[in-house]
Amino acid sequence: METKKPVEKKETKTVSKSEKSINLLLKNRGFDKHQIISENTKELTVAFGYEKHNHSELIIHNFSKKTNETVIVDGEASFDEFVVKVKEYLKKD
């Protein structure tokens, strides 16, 4: 007599629009660090950078137009310093 194994339910992970955009940039541009600065239904603003290189970029992704715009590039500060600078700059506006 054979015993039937219970059918395992596969968990499907839904990936948000933001996660898709971030993952695509991480893959295509080779960034290894990122931090979301702001997010709403129209735009996603993310700081991207590299662990071992002082090169960081602030990129705004427009969901409806499906475009990315690099608004700030910094080659001097570490990624963490860049994120602090960006947040302080955006507070002033």
N, C-alpha and C. Protein backbone atom coordinates (compact mmCIF):
# COMPACT_ATOMS: atom_id res chain seq x y z
N MET A 1 0.83 -1.17 0.00
CA MET A 1 0.00 0.00 0.00
C MET A 1 0.89 1.25 0.00
N GLU A 2 0.62 2.11 -0.95
CA GLU A 2 1.42 3.32 -1.08
C GLU A 2 0.82 4.44 -0.24
N THR A 3 1.70 5.20 0.36
CA THR A 3 1.22 6.36 1.09
C THR A 3 1.47 7.60 0.24
N LYS A 4 0.50 8.45 0.20
CA LYS A 4 0.63 9.67 -0.59
C LYS A 4 1.31 10.75 0.24
N LYS A 5 2.24 11.40 -0.40
CA LYS A 5 2.90 12.51 0.26
C LYS A 5 1.99 13.73 0.19
N PRO A 6 1.95 14.50 1.27
CA PRO A 6 1.12 15.71 1.23
C PRO A 6 1.67 16.69 0.19
N VAL A 7 0.79 17.34 -0.49
CA VAL A 7 1.18 18.31 -1.50
C VAL A 7 1.63 19.60 -0.80
N GLU A 8 2.84 19.99 -1.11
CA GLU A 8 3.36 21.22 -0.51
C GLU A 8 2.91 22.42 -1.33
N LYS A 9 2.41 23.41 -0.63
CA LYS A 9 2.01 24.63 -1.30
C LYS A 9 3.24 25.49 -1.51
N LYS A 10 3.39 25.93 -2.73
CA LYS A 10 4.51 26.82 -3.03
C LYS A 10 4.11 28.23 -2.65
N GLU A 11 5.00 28.87 -1.92
CA GLU A 11 4.73 30.25 -1.54
C GLU A 11 5.15 31.15 -2.69
N THR A 12 4.23 31.94 -3.13
CA THR A 12 4.54 32.89 -4.18
C THR A 12 4.80 34.25 -3.54
N LYS A 13 5.95 34.77 -3.85
CA LYS A 13 6.32 36.06 -3.29
C LYS A 13 5.96 37.13 -4.30
N THR A 14 5.14 38.05 -3.90
CA THR A 14 4.81 39.15 -4.79
C THR A 14 5.87 40.23 -4.63
N VAL A 15 6.35 40.70 -5.74
CA VAL A 15 7.39 41.71 -5.72
C VAL A 15 6.74 43.04 -6.10
N SER A 16 6.95 44.03 -5.29
CA SER A 16 6.35 45.35 -5.54
C SER A 16 7.03 46.04 -6.72
N LYS A 17 6.39 47.09 -7.22
CA LYS A 17 6.98 47.87 -8.31
C LYS A 17 8.32 48.45 -7.87
N SER A 18 8.38 48.87 -6.62
CA SER A 18 9.63 49.45 -6.11
C SER A 18 10.75 48.43 -6.10
N GLU A 19 10.44 47.24 -5.60
CA GLU A 19 11.46 46.18 -5.54
C GLU A 19 11.94 45.81 -6.94
N LYS A 20 11.01 45.75 -7.90
CA LYS A 20 11.39 45.43 -9.28
C LYS A 20 12.36 46.48 -9.83
N SER A 21 12.04 47.73 -9.61
CA SER A 21 12.89 48.82 -10.11
C SER A 21 14.27 48.78 -9.48
N ILE A 22 14.30 48.58 -8.18
CA ILE A 22 15.58 48.52 -7.45
C ILE A 22 16.40 47.34 -7.92
N ASN A 23 15.79 46.18 -8.01
CA ASN A 23 16.51 44.97 -8.43
C ASN A 23 17.07 45.11 -9.84
N LEU A 24 16.32 45.75 -10.72
CA LEU A 24 16.78 45.95 -12.09
C LEU A 24 18.02 46.84 -12.12
N LEU A 25 17.99 47.92 -11.35
CA LEU A 25 19.15 48.81 -11.31
C LEU A 25 20.35 48.13 -10.65
N LEU A 26 20.10 47.38 -9.60
CA LEU A 26 21.20 46.67 -8.94
C LEU A 26 21.86 45.71 -9.92
N LYS A 27 21.05 45.03 -10.69
CA LYS A 27 21.57 44.04 -11.64
C LYS A 27 22.27 44.71 -12.82
N ASN A 28 21.62 45.70 -13.43
CA ASN A 28 22.15 46.30 -14.65
C ASN A 28 23.32 47.24 -14.42
N ARG A 29 23.34 47.91 -13.31
CA ARG A 29 24.40 48.88 -13.05
C ARG A 29 25.49 48.35 -12.13
N GLY A 30 25.25 47.21 -11.50
CA GLY A 30 26.26 46.62 -10.65
C GLY A 30 26.38 47.21 -9.26
N PHE A 31 25.42 48.03 -8.88
CA PHE A 31 25.45 48.59 -7.52
C PHE A 31 25.33 47.46 -6.51
N ASP A 32 25.95 47.64 -5.36
CA ASP A 32 25.80 46.62 -4.32
C ASP A 32 25.21 47.18 -3.03
N LYS A 33 24.86 48.47 -3.03
CA LYS A 33 24.18 49.06 -1.87
C LYS A 33 23.08 49.98 -2.37
N HIS A 34 22.01 50.07 -1.59
CA HIS A 34 20.95 51.01 -1.92
C HIS A 34 20.17 51.35 -0.67
N GLN A 35 19.52 52.50 -0.71
CA GLN A 35 18.63 52.91 0.37
C GLN A 35 17.53 53.78 -0.22
N ILE A 36 16.29 53.42 0.10
CA ILE A 36 15.16 54.20 -0.37
C ILE A 36 15.11 55.51 0.40
N ILE A 37 15.07 56.62 -0.34
CA ILE A 37 15.02 57.94 0.26
C ILE A 37 13.56 58.39 0.40
N SER A 38 12.78 58.20 -0.66
CA SER A 38 11.36 58.52 -0.61
C SER A 38 10.62 57.68 -1.64
N GLU A 39 9.32 57.51 -1.38
CA GLU A 39 8.51 56.67 -2.26
C GLU A 39 7.06 57.14 -2.19
N ASN A 40 6.44 57.25 -3.34
CA ASN A 40 5.01 57.51 -3.41
C ASN A 40 4.45 56.75 -4.61
N THR A 41 3.23 56.99 -4.97
CA THR A 41 2.62 56.22 -6.05
C THR A 41 3.18 56.58 -7.42
N LYS A 42 3.80 57.76 -7.54
CA LYS A 42 4.32 58.19 -8.84
C LYS A 42 5.82 57.97 -9.00
N GLU A 43 6.57 58.16 -7.92
CA GLU A 43 8.04 58.11 -8.02
C GLU A 43 8.68 57.36 -6.86
N LEU A 44 9.86 56.85 -7.16
CA LEU A 44 10.69 56.19 -6.18
C LEU A 44 12.06 56.84 -6.24
N THR A 45 12.54 57.36 -5.11
CA THR A 45 13.85 58.00 -5.05
C THR A 45 14.77 57.12 -4.21
N VAL A 46 15.86 56.68 -4.84
CA VAL A 46 16.76 55.72 -4.19
C VAL A 46 18.20 56.17 -4.35
N ALA A 47 18.97 56.02 -3.27
CA ALA A 47 20.41 56.23 -3.33
C ALA A 47 21.05 54.87 -3.61
N PHE A 48 21.91 54.85 -4.61
CA PHE A 48 22.63 53.63 -4.97
C PHE A 48 24.12 53.88 -4.83
N GLY A 49 24.87 52.84 -4.52
CA GLY A 49 26.30 53.01 -4.42
C GLY A 49 27.01 51.67 -4.36
N TYR A 50 28.30 51.77 -4.10
CA TYR A 50 29.15 50.58 -4.05
C TYR A 50 29.80 50.48 -2.68
N GLU A 51 29.98 49.27 -2.23
CA GLU A 51 30.58 49.00 -0.93
C GLU A 51 32.02 49.51 -0.86
N LYS A 52 32.81 49.23 -1.89
CA LYS A 52 34.24 49.51 -1.81
C LYS A 52 34.70 50.67 -2.70
N HIS A 53 33.75 51.39 -3.29
CA HIS A 53 34.10 52.52 -4.15
C HIS A 53 33.33 53.74 -3.70
N ASN A 54 33.96 54.88 -3.76
CA ASN A 54 33.28 56.13 -3.42
C ASN A 54 32.58 56.67 -4.66
N HIS A 55 31.55 55.98 -5.09
CA HIS A 55 30.72 56.43 -6.20
C HIS A 55 29.28 56.12 -5.83
N SER A 56 28.47 57.16 -5.71
CA SER A 56 27.07 57.00 -5.36
C SER A 56 26.21 57.84 -6.27
N GLU A 57 24.98 57.41 -6.46
CA GLU A 57 24.05 58.14 -7.31
C GLU A 57 22.67 58.18 -6.67
N LEU A 58 22.00 59.30 -6.83
CA LEU A 58 20.61 59.42 -6.42
C LEU A 58 19.79 59.32 -7.69
N ILE A 59 18.92 58.31 -7.74
CA ILE A 59 18.14 58.04 -8.94
C ILE A 59 16.66 58.10 -8.61
N ILE A 60 15.92 58.80 -9.47
CA ILE A 60 14.46 58.87 -9.33
C ILE A 60 13.85 58.02 -10.43
N HIS A 61 13.04 57.06 -10.02
CA HIS A 61 12.32 56.21 -10.98
C HIS A 61 10.88 56.68 -11.06
N ASN A 62 10.42 56.98 -12.27
CA ASN A 62 9.04 57.38 -12.51
C ASN A 62 8.27 56.14 -12.93
N PHE A 63 7.30 55.72 -12.12
CA PHE A 63 6.56 54.49 -12.38
C PHE A 63 5.73 54.55 -13.67
N SER A 64 5.05 55.67 -13.90
CA SER A 64 4.16 55.74 -15.07
C SER A 64 4.95 55.84 -16.38
N LYS A 65 6.04 56.60 -16.37
CA LYS A 65 6.86 56.74 -17.58
C LYS A 65 7.88 55.62 -17.73
N LYS A 66 8.10 54.88 -16.64
CA LYS A 66 9.10 53.80 -16.60
C LYS A 66 10.48 54.32 -16.99
N THR A 67 10.85 55.46 -16.38
CA THR A 67 12.14 56.06 -16.65
C THR A 67 12.93 56.23 -15.36
N ASN A 68 14.25 56.27 -15.51
CA ASN A 68 15.16 56.54 -14.39
C ASN A 68 15.92 57.81 -14.70
N GLU A 69 15.99 58.69 -13.70
CA GLU A 69 16.74 59.93 -13.87
C GLU A 69 17.77 60.02 -12.75
N THR A 70 19.02 60.11 -13.13
CA THR A 70 20.08 60.31 -12.15
C THR A 70 20.16 61.80 -11.85
N VAL A 71 19.93 62.17 -10.60
CA VAL A 71 19.88 63.59 -10.25
C VAL A 71 21.11 64.06 -9.49
N ILE A 72 21.80 63.17 -8.81
CA ILE A 72 23.03 63.53 -8.11
C ILE A 72 24.03 62.39 -8.28
N VAL A 73 25.27 62.75 -8.57
CA VAL A 73 26.37 61.77 -8.62
C VAL A 73 27.47 62.29 -7.72
N ASP A 74 28.00 61.43 -6.86
CA ASP A 74 29.06 61.82 -5.94
C ASP A 74 30.16 60.77 -5.98
N GLY A 75 31.37 61.21 -6.28
CA GLY A 75 32.50 60.29 -6.34
C GLY A 75 33.48 60.46 -5.20
N GLU A 76 33.11 61.27 -4.21
CA GLU A 76 34.04 61.53 -3.11
C GLU A 76 33.62 60.90 -1.79
N ALA A 77 32.34 60.93 -1.50
CA ALA A 77 31.86 60.45 -0.20
C ALA A 77 31.59 58.95 -0.24
N SER A 78 31.69 58.32 0.92
CA SER A 78 31.28 56.91 1.01
C SER A 78 29.77 56.85 0.83
N PHE A 79 29.23 55.66 0.65
CA PHE A 79 27.79 55.53 0.43
C PHE A 79 27.01 56.07 1.62
N ASP A 80 27.42 55.71 2.83
CA ASP A 80 26.71 56.17 4.03
C ASP A 80 26.76 57.69 4.16
N GLU A 81 27.90 58.29 3.86
CA GLU A 81 28.01 59.75 3.90
C GLU A 81 27.11 60.39 2.84
N PHE A 82 27.05 59.76 1.68
CA PHE A 82 26.19 60.26 0.60
C PHE A 82 24.72 60.26 1.01
N VAL A 83 24.28 59.18 1.64
CA VAL A 83 22.88 59.09 2.08
C VAL A 83 22.57 60.20 3.08
N VAL A 84 23.46 60.44 4.01
CA VAL A 84 23.26 61.51 5.01
C VAL A 84 23.17 62.86 4.31
N LYS A 85 24.09 63.13 3.36
CA LYS A 85 24.08 64.39 2.61
C LYS A 85 22.76 64.58 1.87
N VAL A 86 22.30 63.54 1.21
CA VAL A 86 21.06 63.62 0.42
C VAL A 86 19.88 63.91 1.34
N LYS A 87 19.79 63.20 2.45
CA LYS A 87 18.67 63.41 3.37
C LYS A 87 18.68 64.82 3.93
N GLU A 88 19.87 65.34 4.27
CA GLU A 88 19.96 66.71 4.79
C GLU A 88 19.57 67.71 3.71
N TYR A 89 20.00 67.47 2.49
CA TYR A 89 19.68 68.36 1.37
C TYR A 89 18.17 68.38 1.12
N LEU A 90 17.54 67.22 1.15
CA LEU A 90 16.11 67.14 0.87
C LEU A 90 15.26 67.72 2.01
N LYS A 91 15.78 67.73 3.23
CA LYS A 91 15.07 68.35 4.36
C LYS A 91 14.92 69.84 4.16
N LYS A 92 15.94 70.47 3.54
CA LYS A 92 15.95 71.92 3.34
C LYS A 92 14.88 72.36 2.36
N ASP A 93 14.54 71.50 1.42
CA ASP A 93 13.54 71.86 0.39
C ASP A 93 12.15 71.88 0.91
